[in-house]
Amino acid sequence: MAVDPFTSSASALRENRRYPRQRTHENAQIVFGPDYLPLTCVIVDTSAWGARVRLEPAFNQLPKIFYLVPEKKMLAYEVMLVWQKAERFGVKIITKHDLRNPGSAELSAVRRSCATDIEP
């Protein structure tokens, strides 16, 4: 049994997921749009399928598809927004990109937008 830290109930909840969640609490950036301006967020937990993310303050205009870039990693996950409730939301991982070799103008822009938050 796993306890969901975001519920008000102290009782344990049964974990009925195909892919169990792993707590991470990892700082990251959300990147999208024509200007690729990053939004700071926290990856709360991950699974083989996706992630649960917290963005404060809440931002209710996230696009359906965007990049999630963990801090201090040379990776960008292209993700799809699956659900959102206030400052929390869940994403499905579409694909993972290595930012050491971006391979496209779009991924190069993502890398530049997060340049202070990732290590070369």
PDB file of N, CA and C in Angstrom:
ATOM      1  N   MET A   1       0.827  -1.190   0.000  1.00  0.00           N
ATOM      2  CA  MET A   1       0.000   0.000   0.000  1.00  0.00           C
ATOM      3  C   MET A   1       0.866   1.245   0.000  1.00  0.00           C
ATOM      4  N   ALA A   2       0.424   2.243  -0.714  1.00  0.00           N
ATOM      5  CA  ALA A   2       1.141   3.502  -0.753  1.00  0.00           C
ATOM      6  C   ALA A   2       0.228   4.609  -0.254  1.00  0.00           C
ATOM      7  N   VAL A   3       0.811   5.606   0.351  1.00  0.00           N
ATOM      8  CA  VAL A   3       0.053   6.750   0.824  1.00  0.00           C
ATOM      9  C   VAL A   3       0.297   7.906  -0.123  1.00  0.00           C
ATOM     10  N   ASP A   4      -0.760   8.488  -0.638  1.00  0.00           N
ATOM     11  CA  ASP A   4      -0.641   9.639  -1.512  1.00  0.00           C
ATOM     12  C   ASP A   4      -0.456  10.871  -0.637  1.00  0.00           C
ATOM     13  N   PRO A   5       0.698  11.558  -0.716  1.00  0.00           N
ATOM     14  CA  PRO A   5       0.952  12.693   0.156  1.00  0.00           C
ATOM     15  C   PRO A   5       0.081  13.896  -0.148  1.00  0.00           C
ATOM     16  N   PHE A   6      -0.662  13.890  -1.263  1.00  0.00           N
ATOM     17  CA  PHE A   6      -1.488  15.024  -1.622  1.00  0.00           C
ATOM     18  C   PHE A   6      -2.947  14.890  -1.194  1.00  0.00           C
ATOM     19  N   THR A   7      -3.290  13.814  -0.527  1.00  0.00           N
ATOM     20  CA  THR A   7      -4.665  13.657  -0.068  1.00  0.00           C
ATOM     21  C   THR A   7      -4.781  14.128   1.365  1.00  0.00           C
ATOM     22  N   SER A   8      -5.953  14.528   1.759  1.00  0.00           N
ATOM     23  CA  SER A   8      -6.155  14.987   3.131  1.00  0.00           C
ATOM     24  C   SER A   8      -6.367  13.816   4.079  1.00  0.00           C
ATOM     25  N   SER A   9      -6.620  12.646   3.548  1.00  0.00           N
ATOM     26  CA  SER A   9      -6.852  11.473   4.362  1.00  0.00           C
ATOM     27  C   SER A   9      -5.530  10.871   4.820  1.00  0.00           C
ATOM     28  N   ALA A  10      -5.443  10.514   6.079  1.00  0.00           N
ATOM     29  CA  ALA A  10      -4.224   9.909   6.611  1.00  0.00           C
ATOM     30  C   ALA A  10      -4.199   8.409   6.385  1.00  0.00           C
ATOM     31  N   SER A  11      -5.295   7.867   5.952  1.00  0.00           N
ATOM     32  CA  SER A  11      -5.331   6.422   5.747  1.00  0.00           C
ATOM     33  C   SER A  11      -4.581   6.035   4.483  1.00  0.00           C
ATOM     34  N   ALA A  12      -4.038   4.844   4.477  1.00  0.00           N
ATOM     35  CA  ALA A  12      -3.276   4.353   3.327  1.00  0.00           C
ATOM     36  C   ALA A  12      -4.224   4.058   2.179  1.00  0.00           C
ATOM     37  N   LEU A  13      -3.768   4.355   0.977  1.00  0.00           N
ATOM     38  CA  LEU A  13      -4.550   4.087  -0.219  1.00  0.00           C
ATOM     39  C   LEU A  13      -3.922   2.936  -0.974  1.00  0.00           C
ATOM     40  N   ARG A  14      -4.730   2.109  -1.570  1.00  0.00           N
ATOM     41  CA  ARG A  14      -4.222   0.978  -2.340  1.00  0.00           C
ATOM     42  C   ARG A  14      -3.651   1.486  -3.666  1.00  0.00           C
ATOM     43  N   GLU A  15      -2.457   1.054  -3.972  1.00  0.00           N
ATOM     44  CA  GLU A  15      -1.782   1.435  -5.212  1.00  0.00           C
ATOM     45  C   GLU A  15      -2.206   0.461  -6.307  1.00  0.00           C
ATOM     46  N   ASN A  16      -3.063   0.936  -7.226  1.00  0.00           N
ATOM     47  CA  ASN A  16      -3.581   0.092  -8.291  1.00  0.00           C
ATOM     48  C   ASN A  16      -3.019   0.502  -9.648  1.00  0.00           C
ATOM     49  N   ARG A  17      -1.813   0.965  -9.688  1.00  0.00           N
ATOM     50  CA  ARG A  17      -1.217   1.433 -10.930  1.00  0.00           C
ATOM     51  C   ARG A  17      -0.440   0.324 -11.613  1.00  0.00           C
ATOM     52  N   ARG A  18      -0.432   0.376 -12.930  1.00  0.00           N
ATOM     53  CA  ARG A  18       0.355  -0.581 -13.710  1.00  0.00           C
ATOM     54  C   ARG A  18       1.844  -0.361 -13.445  1.00  0.00           C
ATOM     55  N   TYR A  19       2.256   0.916 -13.359  1.00  0.00           N
ATOM     56  CA  TYR A  19       3.650   1.270 -13.100  1.00  0.00           C
ATOM     57  C   TYR A  19       3.712   2.056 -11.793  1.00  0.00           C
ATOM     58  N   PRO A  20       4.300   1.493 -10.752  1.00  0.00           N
ATOM     59  CA  PRO A  20       4.357   2.183  -9.459  1.00  0.00           C
ATOM     60  C   PRO A  20       5.129   3.499  -9.556  1.00  0.00           C
ATOM     61  N   ARG A  21       4.733   4.441  -8.723  1.00  0.00           N
ATOM     62  CA  ARG A  21       5.398   5.741  -8.676  1.00  0.00           C
ATOM     63  C   ARG A  21       6.622   5.685  -7.779  1.00  0.00           C
ATOM     64  N   GLN A  22       7.631   6.441  -8.158  1.00  0.00           N
ATOM     65  CA  GLN A  22       8.824   6.620  -7.343  1.00  0.00           C
ATOM     66  C   GLN A  22       8.925   8.100  -6.998  1.00  0.00           C
ATOM     67  N   ARG A  23       8.980   8.426  -5.716  1.00  0.00           N
ATOM     68  CA  ARG A  23       9.132   9.824  -5.308  1.00  0.00           C
ATOM     69  C   ARG A  23      10.478  10.350  -5.774  1.00  0.00           C
ATOM     70  N   THR A  24      10.477  11.590  -6.287  1.00  0.00           N
ATOM     71  CA  THR A  24      11.725  12.175  -6.758  1.00  0.00           C
ATOM     72  C   THR A  24      11.986  13.562  -6.171  1.00  0.00           C
ATOM     73  N   HIS A  25      10.991  14.414  -6.140  1.00  0.00           N
ATOM     74  CA  HIS A  25      11.130  15.810  -5.706  1.00  0.00           C
ATOM     75  C   HIS A  25      12.341  16.452  -6.367  1.00  0.00           C
ATOM     76  N   GLU A  26      12.322  16.435  -7.702  1.00  0.00           N
ATOM     77  CA  GLU A  26      13.428  16.934  -8.514  1.00  0.00           C
ATOM     78  C   GLU A  26      13.031  18.247  -9.194  1.00  0.00           C
ATOM     79  N   ASN A  27      13.864  19.275  -9.060  1.00  0.00           N
ATOM     80  CA  ASN A  27      13.608  20.549  -9.724  1.00  0.00           C
ATOM     81  C   ASN A  27      13.727  20.363 -11.233  1.00  0.00           C
ATOM     82  N   ALA A  28      12.885  21.094 -11.969  1.00  0.00           N
ATOM     83  CA  ALA A  28      12.866  20.965 -13.424  1.00  0.00           C
ATOM     84  C   ALA A  28      12.329  22.249 -14.042  1.00  0.00           C
ATOM     85  N   GLN A  29      12.336  22.277 -15.367  1.00  0.00           N
ATOM     86  CA  GLN A  29      11.779  23.385 -16.140  1.00  0.00           C
ATOM     87  C   GLN A  29      10.748  22.831 -17.107  1.00  0.00           C
ATOM     88  N   ILE A  30       9.670  23.571 -17.284  1.00  0.00           N
ATOM     89  CA  ILE A  30       8.676  23.298 -18.314  1.00  0.00           C
ATOM     90  C   ILE A  30       8.961  24.286 -19.433  1.00  0.00           C
ATOM     91  N   VAL A  31       9.085  23.795 -20.653  1.00  0.00           N
ATOM     92  CA  VAL A  31       9.434  24.661 -21.778  1.00  0.00           C
ATOM     93  C   VAL A  31       8.434  24.429 -22.909  1.00  0.00           C
ATOM     94  N   PHE A  32       7.879  25.543 -23.444  1.00  0.00           N
ATOM     95  CA  PHE A  32       6.943  25.452 -24.564  1.00  0.00           C
ATOM     96  C   PHE A  32       6.813  26.817 -25.214  1.00  0.00           C
ATOM     97  N   GLY A  33       6.111  26.837 -26.296  1.00  0.00           N
ATOM     98  CA  GLY A  33       5.786  28.092 -26.959  1.00  0.00           C
ATOM     99  C   GLY A  33       6.876  28.593 -27.879  1.00  0.00           C
ATOM    100  N   PRO A  34       6.559  29.628 -28.632  1.00  0.00           N
ATOM    101  CA  PRO A  34       7.511  30.135 -29.623  1.00  0.00           C
ATOM    102  C   PRO A  34       8.769  30.746 -28.999  1.00  0.00           C
ATOM    103  N   ASP A  35       8.684  31.216 -27.753  1.00  0.00           N
ATOM    104  CA  ASP A  35       9.839  31.838 -27.103  1.00  0.00           C
ATOM    105  C   ASP A  35      10.599  30.878 -26.197  1.00  0.00           C
ATOM    106  N   TYR A  36      10.058  29.690 -25.978  1.00  0.00           N
ATOM    107  CA  TYR A  36      10.685  28.670 -25.148  1.00  0.00           C
ATOM    108  C   TYR A  36      11.085  29.205 -23.768  1.00  0.00           C
ATOM    109  N   LEU A  37      10.224  30.026 -23.187  1.00  0.00           N
ATOM    110  CA  LEU A  37      10.511  30.553 -21.851  1.00  0.00           C
ATOM    111  C   LEU A  37      10.217  29.472 -20.823  1.00  0.00           C
ATOM    112  N   PRO A  38      11.191  29.163 -19.947  1.00  0.00           N
ATOM    113  CA  PRO A  38      10.991  28.076 -18.988  1.00  0.00           C
ATOM    114  C   PRO A  38      10.174  28.498 -17.770  1.00  0.00           C
ATOM    115  N   LEU A  39       9.381  27.566 -17.265  1.00  0.00           N
ATOM    116  CA  LEU A  39       8.664  27.720 -16.001  1.00  0.00           C
ATOM    117  C   LEU A  39       9.278  26.732 -15.013  1.00  0.00           C
ATOM    118  N   THR A  40       9.631  27.209 -13.831  1.00  0.00           N
ATOM    119  CA  THR A  40      10.226  26.338 -12.825  1.00  0.00           C
ATOM    120  C   THR A  40       9.148  25.484 -12.179  1.00  0.00           C
ATOM    121  N   CYS A  41       9.452  24.191 -11.994  1.00  0.00           N
ATOM    122  CA  CYS A  41       8.508  23.263 -11.390  1.00  0.00           C
ATOM    123  C   CYS A  41       9.273  22.217 -10.587  1.00  0.00           C
ATOM    124  N   VAL A  42       8.537  21.310  -9.958  1.00  0.00           N
ATOM    125  CA  VAL A  42       9.121  20.198  -9.226  1.00  0.00           C
ATOM    126  C   VAL A  42       8.481  18.912  -9.724  1.00  0.00           C
ATOM    127  N   ILE A  43       9.310  17.953 -10.122  1.00  0.00           N
ATOM    128  CA  ILE A  43       8.809  16.626 -10.466  1.00  0.00           C
ATOM    129  C   ILE A  43       8.630  15.898  -9.144  1.00  0.00           C
ATOM    130  N   VAL A  44       7.389  15.647  -8.768  1.00  0.00           N
ATOM    131  CA  VAL A  44       7.064  15.058  -7.465  1.00  0.00           C
ATOM    132  C   VAL A  44       7.356  13.570  -7.457  1.00  0.00           C
ATOM    133  N   ASP A  45       6.904  12.879  -8.490  1.00  0.00           N
ATOM    134  CA  ASP A  45       7.193  11.454  -8.607  1.00  0.00           C
ATOM    135  C   ASP A  45       7.143  11.049 -10.067  1.00  0.00           C
ATOM    136  N   THR A  46       7.735   9.887 -10.326  1.00  0.00           N
ATOM    137  CA  THR A  46       7.806   9.385 -11.696  1.00  0.00           C
ATOM    138  C   THR A  46       7.398   7.918 -11.731  1.00  0.00           C
ATOM    139  N   SER A  47       7.084   7.470 -12.919  1.00  0.00           N
ATOM    140  CA  SER A  47       6.836   6.054 -13.165  1.00  0.00           C
ATOM    141  C   SER A  47       7.407   5.757 -14.543  1.00  0.00           C
ATOM    142  N   ALA A  48       7.342   4.527 -14.969  1.00  0.00           N
ATOM    143  CA  ALA A  48       7.807   4.162 -16.306  1.00  0.00           C
ATOM    144  C   ALA A  48       6.971   4.855 -17.375  1.00  0.00           C
ATOM    145  N   TRP A  49       5.776   5.278 -17.035  1.00  0.00           N
ATOM    146  CA  TRP A  49       4.814   5.842 -17.974  1.00  0.00           C
ATOM    147  C   TRP A  49       4.856   7.362 -18.026  1.00  0.00           C
ATOM    148  N   GLY A  50       5.134   8.007 -16.868  1.00  0.00           N
ATOM    149  CA  GLY A  50       5.043   9.459 -16.831  1.00  0.00           C
ATOM    150  C   GLY A  50       5.508  10.043 -15.519  1.00  0.00           C
ATOM    151  N   ALA A  51       4.933  11.193 -15.180  1.00  0.00           N
ATOM    152  CA  ALA A  51       5.347  11.902 -13.967  1.00  0.00           C
ATOM    153  C   ALA A  51       4.197  12.736 -13.424  1.00  0.00           C
ATOM    154  N   ARG A  52       4.302  13.022 -12.129  1.00  0.00           N
ATOM    155  CA  ARG A  52       3.399  13.982 -11.482  1.00  0.00           C
ATOM    156  C   ARG A  52       4.256  15.184 -11.145  1.00  0.00           C
ATOM    157  N   VAL A  53       3.771  16.371 -11.484  1.00  0.00           N
ATOM    158  CA  VAL A  53       4.558  17.590 -11.398  1.00  0.00           C
ATOM    159  C   VAL A  53       3.775  18.639 -10.625  1.00  0.00           C
ATOM    160  N   ARG A  54       4.514  19.490  -9.901  1.00  0.00           N
ATOM    161  CA  ARG A  54       3.904  20.621  -9.180  1.00  0.00           C
ATOM    162  C   ARG A  54       4.496  21.906  -9.743  1.00  0.00           C
ATOM    163  N   LEU A  55       3.622  22.841 -10.069  1.00  0.00           N
ATOM    164  CA  LEU A  55       4.004  24.136 -10.619  1.00  0.00           C
ATOM    165  C   LEU A  55       3.329  25.203  -9.776  1.00  0.00           C
ATOM    166  N   GLU A  56       4.121  25.989  -9.059  1.00  0.00           N
ATOM    167  CA  GLU A  56       3.555  27.041  -8.211  1.00  0.00           C
ATOM    168  C   GLU A  56       4.117  28.383  -8.644  1.00  0.00           C
ATOM    169  N   PRO A  57       3.275  29.359  -8.824  1.00  0.00           N
ATOM    170  CA  PRO A  57       1.822  29.271  -8.677  1.00  0.00           C
ATOM    171  C   PRO A  57       1.215  28.458  -9.821  1.00  0.00           C
ATOM    172  N   ALA A  58      -0.018  28.055  -9.613  1.00  0.00           N
ATOM    173  CA  ALA A  58      -0.707  27.252 -10.625  1.00  0.00           C
ATOM    174  C   ALA A  58      -0.742  28.001 -11.952  1.00  0.00           C
ATOM    175  N   PHE A  59      -0.607  27.270 -13.031  1.00  0.00           N
ATOM    176  CA  PHE A  59      -0.611  27.835 -14.381  1.00  0.00           C
ATOM    177  C   PHE A  59      -1.596  27.006 -15.180  1.00  0.00           C
ATOM    178  N   ASN A  60      -2.749  27.574 -15.470  1.00  0.00           N
ATOM    179  CA  ASN A  60      -3.811  26.781 -16.091  1.00  0.00           C
ATOM    180  C   ASN A  60      -3.828  26.840 -17.611  1.00  0.00           C
ATOM    181  N   GLN A  61      -2.751  27.328 -18.226  1.00  0.00           N
ATOM    182  CA  GLN A  61      -2.724  27.406 -19.677  1.00  0.00           C
ATOM    183  C   GLN A  61      -1.581  26.584 -20.263  1.00  0.00           C
ATOM    184  N   LEU A  62      -1.296  25.456 -19.642  1.00  0.00           N
ATOM    185  CA  LEU A  62      -0.274  24.576 -20.202  1.00  0.00           C
ATOM    186  C   LEU A  62      -0.786  23.983 -21.507  1.00  0.00           C
ATOM    187  N   PRO A  63       0.081  23.880 -22.501  1.00  0.00           N
ATOM    188  CA  PRO A  63      -0.345  23.243 -23.751  1.00  0.00           C
ATOM    189  C   PRO A  63      -0.458  21.731 -23.561  1.00  0.00           C
ATOM    190  N   LYS A  64      -1.030  21.067 -24.512  1.00  0.00           N
ATOM    191  CA  LYS A  64      -1.196  19.609 -24.447  1.00  0.00           C
ATOM    192  C   LYS A  64       0.159  18.892 -24.531  1.00  0.00           C
ATOM    193  N   ILE A  65       1.085  19.428 -25.316  1.00  0.00           N
ATOM    194  CA  ILE A  65       2.413  18.837 -25.495  1.00  0.00           C
ATOM    195  C   ILE A  65       3.460  19.898 -25.136  1.00  0.00           C
ATOM    196  N   PHE A  66       4.466  19.530 -24.339  1.00  0.00           N
ATOM    197  CA  PHE A  66       5.552  20.439 -23.988  1.00  0.00           C
ATOM    198  C   PHE A  66       6.765  19.635 -23.560  1.00  0.00           C
ATOM    199  N   TYR A  67       7.834  20.333 -23.190  1.00  0.00           N
ATOM    200  CA  TYR A  67       9.062  19.674 -22.739  1.00  0.00           C
ATOM    201  C   TYR A  67       9.206  19.826 -21.236  1.00  0.00           C
ATOM    202  N   LEU A  68       9.631  18.754 -20.597  1.00  0.00           N
ATOM    203  CA  LEU A  68       9.952  18.738 -19.171  1.00  0.00           C
ATOM    204  C   LEU A  68      11.443  18.450 -19.076  1.00  0.00           C
ATOM    205  N   VAL A  69      12.202  19.413 -18.492  1.00  0.00           N
ATOM    206  CA  VAL A  69      13.662  19.333 -18.472  1.00  0.00           C
ATOM    207  C   VAL A  69      14.137  19.279 -17.026  1.00  0.00           C
ATOM    208  N   PRO A  70      14.539  18.111 -16.538  1.00  0.00           N
ATOM    209  CA  PRO A  70      15.041  17.999 -15.169  1.00  0.00           C
ATOM    210  C   PRO A  70      16.310  18.835 -14.985  1.00  0.00           C
ATOM    211  N   GLU A  71      16.419  19.448 -13.805  1.00  0.00           N
ATOM    212  CA  GLU A  71      17.579  20.279 -13.496  1.00  0.00           C
ATOM    213  C   GLU A  71      18.859  19.449 -13.481  1.00  0.00           C
ATOM    214  N   LYS A  72      19.924  20.032 -13.983  1.00  0.00           N
ATOM    215  CA  LYS A  72      21.263  19.445 -13.970  1.00  0.00           C
ATOM    216  C   LYS A  72      21.379  18.144 -14.763  1.00  0.00           C
ATOM    217  N   LYS A  73      20.492  17.959 -15.717  1.00  0.00           N
ATOM    218  CA  LYS A  73      20.577  16.795 -16.601  1.00  0.00           C
ATOM    219  C   LYS A  73      20.518  17.306 -18.025  1.00  0.00           C
ATOM    220  N   MET A  74      21.135  16.606 -18.904  1.00  0.00           N
ATOM    221  CA  MET A  74      21.118  16.986 -20.315  1.00  0.00           C
ATOM    222  C   MET A  74      20.020  16.222 -21.053  1.00  0.00           C
ATOM    223  N   LEU A  75      18.828  16.207 -20.452  1.00  0.00           N
ATOM    224  CA  LEU A  75      17.690  15.496 -21.024  1.00  0.00           C
ATOM    225  C   LEU A  75      16.491  16.426 -21.122  1.00  0.00           C
ATOM    226  N   ALA A  76      15.698  16.212 -22.138  1.00  0.00           N
ATOM    227  CA  ALA A  76      14.408  16.876 -22.273  1.00  0.00           C
ATOM    228  C   ALA A  76      13.382  15.798 -22.594  1.00  0.00           C
ATOM    229  N   TYR A  77      12.341  15.737 -21.799  1.00  0.00           N
ATOM    230  CA  TYR A  77      11.260  14.784 -22.049  1.00  0.00           C
ATOM    231  C   TYR A  77      10.136  15.519 -22.763  1.00  0.00           C
ATOM    232  N   GLU A  78       9.778  15.038 -23.931  1.00  0.00           N
ATOM    233  CA  GLU A  78       8.593  15.557 -24.595  1.00  0.00           C
ATOM    234  C   GLU A  78       7.421  14.845 -23.932  1.00  0.00           C
ATOM    235  N   VAL A  79       6.493  15.612 -23.379  1.00  0.00           N
ATOM    236  CA  VAL A  79       5.411  15.024 -22.588  1.00  0.00           C
ATOM    237  C   VAL A  79       4.056  15.530 -23.059  1.00  0.00           C
ATOM    238  N   MET A  80       3.029  14.764 -22.699  1.00  0.00           N
ATOM    239  CA  MET A  80       1.647  15.133 -22.991  1.00  0.00           C
ATOM    240  C   MET A  80       0.910  15.312 -21.668  1.00  0.00           C
ATOM    241  N   LEU A  81       0.230  16.434 -21.525  1.00  0.00           N
ATOM    242  CA  LEU A  81      -0.567  16.711 -20.334  1.00  0.00           C
ATOM    243  C   LEU A  81      -1.757  15.756 -20.295  1.00  0.00           C
ATOM    244  N   VAL A  82      -1.894  15.026 -19.184  1.00  0.00           N
ATOM    245  CA  VAL A  82      -2.962  14.039 -19.057  1.00  0.00           C
ATOM    246  C   VAL A  82      -4.058  14.542 -18.127  1.00  0.00           C
ATOM    247  N   TRP A  83      -3.680  15.169 -17.032  1.00  0.00           N
ATOM    248  CA  TRP A  83      -4.643  15.724 -16.085  1.00  0.00           C
ATOM    249  C   TRP A  83      -4.020  16.911 -15.376  1.00  0.00           C
ATOM    250  N   GLN A  84      -4.859  17.803 -14.843  1.00  0.00           N
ATOM    251  CA  GLN A  84      -4.372  18.950 -14.081  1.00  0.00           C
ATOM    252  C   GLN A  84      -5.387  19.321 -13.020  1.00  0.00           C
ATOM    253  N   LYS A  85      -4.887  19.576 -11.825  1.00  0.00           N
ATOM    254  CA  LYS A  85      -5.724  20.026 -10.714  1.00  0.00           C
ATOM    255  C   LYS A  85      -4.937  21.083  -9.958  1.00  0.00           C
ATOM    256  N   ALA A  86      -5.306  22.343 -10.172  1.00  0.00           N
ATOM    257  CA  ALA A  86      -4.619  23.494  -9.574  1.00  0.00           C
ATOM    258  C   ALA A  86      -3.148  23.458  -9.959  1.00  0.00           C
ATOM    259  N   GLU A  87      -2.255  23.412  -8.964  1.00  0.00           N
ATOM    260  CA  GLU A  87      -0.819  23.465  -9.247  1.00  0.00           C
ATOM    261  C   GLU A  87      -0.210  22.094  -9.558  1.00  0.00           C
ATOM    262  N   ARG A  88      -0.980  21.033  -9.498  1.00  0.00           N
ATOM    263  CA  ARG A  88      -0.473  19.678  -9.778  1.00  0.00           C
ATOM    264  C   ARG A  88      -1.004  19.189 -11.119  1.00  0.00           C
ATOM    265  N   PHE A  89      -0.174  18.401 -11.791  1.00  0.00           N
ATOM    266  CA  PHE A  89      -0.627  17.813 -13.044  1.00  0.00           C
ATOM    267  C   PHE A  89       0.178  16.568 -13.346  1.00  0.00           C
ATOM    268  N   GLY A  90      -0.400  15.729 -14.190  1.00  0.00           N
ATOM    269  CA  GLY A  90       0.256  14.503 -14.605  1.00  0.00           C
ATOM    270  C   GLY A  90       0.566  14.549 -16.082  1.00  0.00           C
ATOM    271  N   VAL A  91       1.715  13.972 -16.438  1.00  0.00           N
ATOM    272  CA  VAL A  91       2.126  13.929 -17.842  1.00  0.00           C
ATOM    273  C   VAL A  91       2.495  12.516 -18.240  1.00  0.00           C
ATOM    274  N   LYS A  92       2.286  12.220 -19.505  1.00  0.00           N
ATOM    275  CA  LYS A  92       2.726  10.964 -20.103  1.00  0.00           C
ATOM    276  C   LYS A  92       3.971  11.279 -20.920  1.00  0.00           C
ATOM    277  N   ILE A  93       5.014  10.486 -20.752  1.00  0.00           N
ATOM    278  CA  ILE A  93       6.241  10.690 -21.508  1.00  0.00           C
ATOM    279  C   ILE A  93       6.044  10.168 -22.927  1.00  0.00           C
ATOM    280  N   ILE A  94       6.271  11.056 -23.900  1.00  0.00           N
ATOM    281  CA  ILE A  94       6.180  10.674 -25.303  1.00  0.00           C
ATOM    282  C   ILE A  94       7.531  10.164 -25.770  1.00  0.00           C
ATOM    283  N   THR A  95       8.565  10.967 -25.511  1.00  0.00           N
ATOM    284  CA  THR A  95       9.916  10.580 -25.912  1.00  0.00           C
ATOM    285  C   THR A  95      10.947  11.350 -25.089  1.00  0.00           C
ATOM    286  N   LYS A  96      12.148  10.807 -25.027  1.00  0.00           N
ATOM    287  CA  LYS A  96      13.249  11.424 -24.292  1.00  0.00           C
ATOM    288  C   LYS A  96      14.293  11.886 -25.304  1.00  0.00           C
ATOM    289  N   HIS A  97      14.819  13.114 -25.091  1.00  0.00           N
ATOM    290  CA  HIS A  97      15.818  13.682 -25.987  1.00  0.00           C
ATOM    291  C   HIS A  97      17.100  13.970 -25.206  1.00  0.00           C
ATOM    292  N   ASP A  98      18.232  13.673 -25.819  1.00  0.00           N
ATOM    293  CA  ASP A  98      19.535  13.983 -25.246  1.00  0.00           C
ATOM    294  C   ASP A  98      19.920  15.383 -25.701  1.00  0.00           C
ATOM    295  N   LEU A  99      20.040  16.327 -24.769  1.00  0.00           N
ATOM    296  CA  LEU A  99      20.339  17.705 -25.133  1.00  0.00           C
ATOM    297  C   LEU A  99      21.821  17.950 -25.409  1.00  0.00           C
ATOM    298  N   ARG A 100      22.658  16.943 -25.205  1.00  0.00           N
ATOM    299  CA  ARG A 100      24.074  17.099 -25.587  1.00  0.00           C
ATOM    300  C   ARG A 100      24.203  17.148 -27.097  1.00  0.00           C
ATOM    301  N   ASN A 101      23.267  16.523 -27.790  1.00  0.00           N
ATOM    302  CA  ASN A 101      23.240  16.513 -29.252  1.00  0.00           C
ATOM    303  C   ASN A 101      21.793  16.742 -29.673  1.00  0.00           C
ATOM    304  N   PRO A 102      21.323  18.007 -29.628  1.00  0.00           N
ATOM    305  CA  PRO A 102      19.900  18.290 -29.833  1.00  0.00           C
ATOM    306  C   PRO A 102      19.309  17.779 -31.141  1.00  0.00           C
ATOM    307  N   GLY A 103      20.022  17.926 -32.246  1.00  0.00           N
ATOM    308  CA  GLY A 103      19.539  17.367 -33.500  1.00  0.00           C
ATOM    309  C   GLY A 103      18.449  18.146 -34.210  1.00  0.00           C
ATOM    310  N   SER A 104      17.916  19.201 -33.600  1.00  0.00           N
ATOM    311  CA  SER A 104      16.908  20.033 -34.268  1.00  0.00           C
ATOM    312  C   SER A 104      16.971  21.442 -33.691  1.00  0.00           C
ATOM    313  N   ALA A 105      16.462  22.389 -34.451  1.00  0.00           N
ATOM    314  CA  ALA A 105      16.431  23.780 -33.990  1.00  0.00           C
ATOM    315  C   ALA A 105      15.553  23.916 -32.746  1.00  0.00           C
ATOM    316  N   GLU A 106      14.457  23.158 -32.710  1.00  0.00           N
ATOM    317  CA  GLU A 106      13.556  23.228 -31.557  1.00  0.00           C
ATOM    318  C   GLU A 106      14.250  22.752 -30.282  1.00  0.00           C
ATOM    319  N   LEU A 107      14.941  21.623 -30.347  1.00  0.00           N
ATOM    320  CA  LEU A 107      15.637  21.115 -29.161  1.00  0.00           C
ATOM    321  C   LEU A 107      16.832  21.991 -28.783  1.00  0.00           C
ATOM    322  N   SER A 108      17.466  22.612 -29.755  1.00  0.00           N
ATOM    323  CA  SER A 108      18.535  23.574 -29.453  1.00  0.00           C
ATOM    324  C   SER A 108      17.971  24.760 -28.678  1.00  0.00           C
ATOM    325  N   ALA A 109      16.781  25.225 -29.056  1.00  0.00           N
ATOM    326  CA  ALA A 109      16.130  26.326 -28.341  1.00  0.00           C
ATOM    327  C   ALA A 109      15.750  25.904 -26.927  1.00  0.00           C
ATOM    328  N   VAL A 110      15.288  24.664 -26.757  1.00  0.00           N
ATOM    329  CA  VAL A 110      14.971  24.151 -25.420  1.00  0.00           C
ATOM    330  C   VAL A 110      16.236  24.142 -24.570  1.00  0.00           C
ATOM    331  N   ARG A 111      17.328  23.669 -25.134  1.00  0.00           N
ATOM    332  CA  ARG A 111      18.598  23.627 -24.397  1.00  0.00           C
ATOM    333  C   ARG A 111      19.032  25.033 -23.983  1.00  0.00           C
ATOM    334  N   ARG A 112      18.971  25.993 -24.898  1.00  0.00           N
ATOM    335  CA  ARG A 112      19.361  27.375 -24.579  1.00  0.00           C
ATOM    336  C   ARG A 112      18.476  27.968 -23.497  1.00  0.00           C
ATOM    337  N   SER A 113      17.191  27.659 -23.522  1.00  0.00           N
ATOM    338  CA  SER A 113      16.272  28.243 -22.535  1.00  0.00           C
ATOM    339  C   SER A 113      16.536  27.736 -21.129  1.00  0.00           C
ATOM    340  N   CYS A 114      17.140  26.549 -21.013  1.00  0.00           N
ATOM    341  CA  CYS A 114      17.426  25.965 -19.708  1.00  0.00           C
ATOM    342  C   CYS A 114      18.924  25.933 -19.423  1.00  0.00           C
ATOM    343  N   ALA A 115      19.701  26.709 -20.148  1.00  0.00           N
ATOM    344  CA  ALA A 115      21.157  26.625 -20.080  1.00  0.00           C
ATOM    345  C   ALA A 115      21.711  26.796 -18.671  1.00  0.00           C
ATOM    346  N   THR A 116      21.096  27.594 -17.827  1.00  0.00           N
ATOM    347  CA  THR A 116      21.619  27.798 -16.474  1.00  0.00           C
ATOM    348  C   THR A 116      21.224  26.680 -15.529  1.00  0.00           C
ATOM    349  N   ASP A 117      20.303  25.827 -15.956  1.00  0.00           N
ATOM    350  CA  ASP A 117      19.796  24.767 -15.085  1.00  0.00           C
ATOM    351  C   ASP A 117      20.257  23.369 -15.463  1.00  0.00           C
ATOM    352  N   ILE A 118      21.057  23.248 -16.540  1.00  0.00           N
ATOM    353  CA  ILE A 118      21.556  21.941 -16.933  1.00  0.00           C
ATOM    354  C   ILE A 118      23.061  21.997 -17.052  1.00  0.00           C
ATOM    355  N   GLU A 119      23.708  20.899 -16.777  1.00  0.00           N
ATOM    356  CA  GLU A 119      25.151  20.838 -16.865  1.00  0.00           C
ATOM    357  C   GLU A 119      25.560  20.340 -18.237  1.00  0.00           C
ATOM    358  N   PRO A 120      26.628  20.917 -18.802  1.00  0.00           N
ATOM    359  CA  PRO A 120      27.073  20.486 -20.132  1.00  0.00           C
ATOM    360  C   PRO A 120      27.653  19.093 -20.119  1.00  0.00           C
TER     361      PRO A 120
END
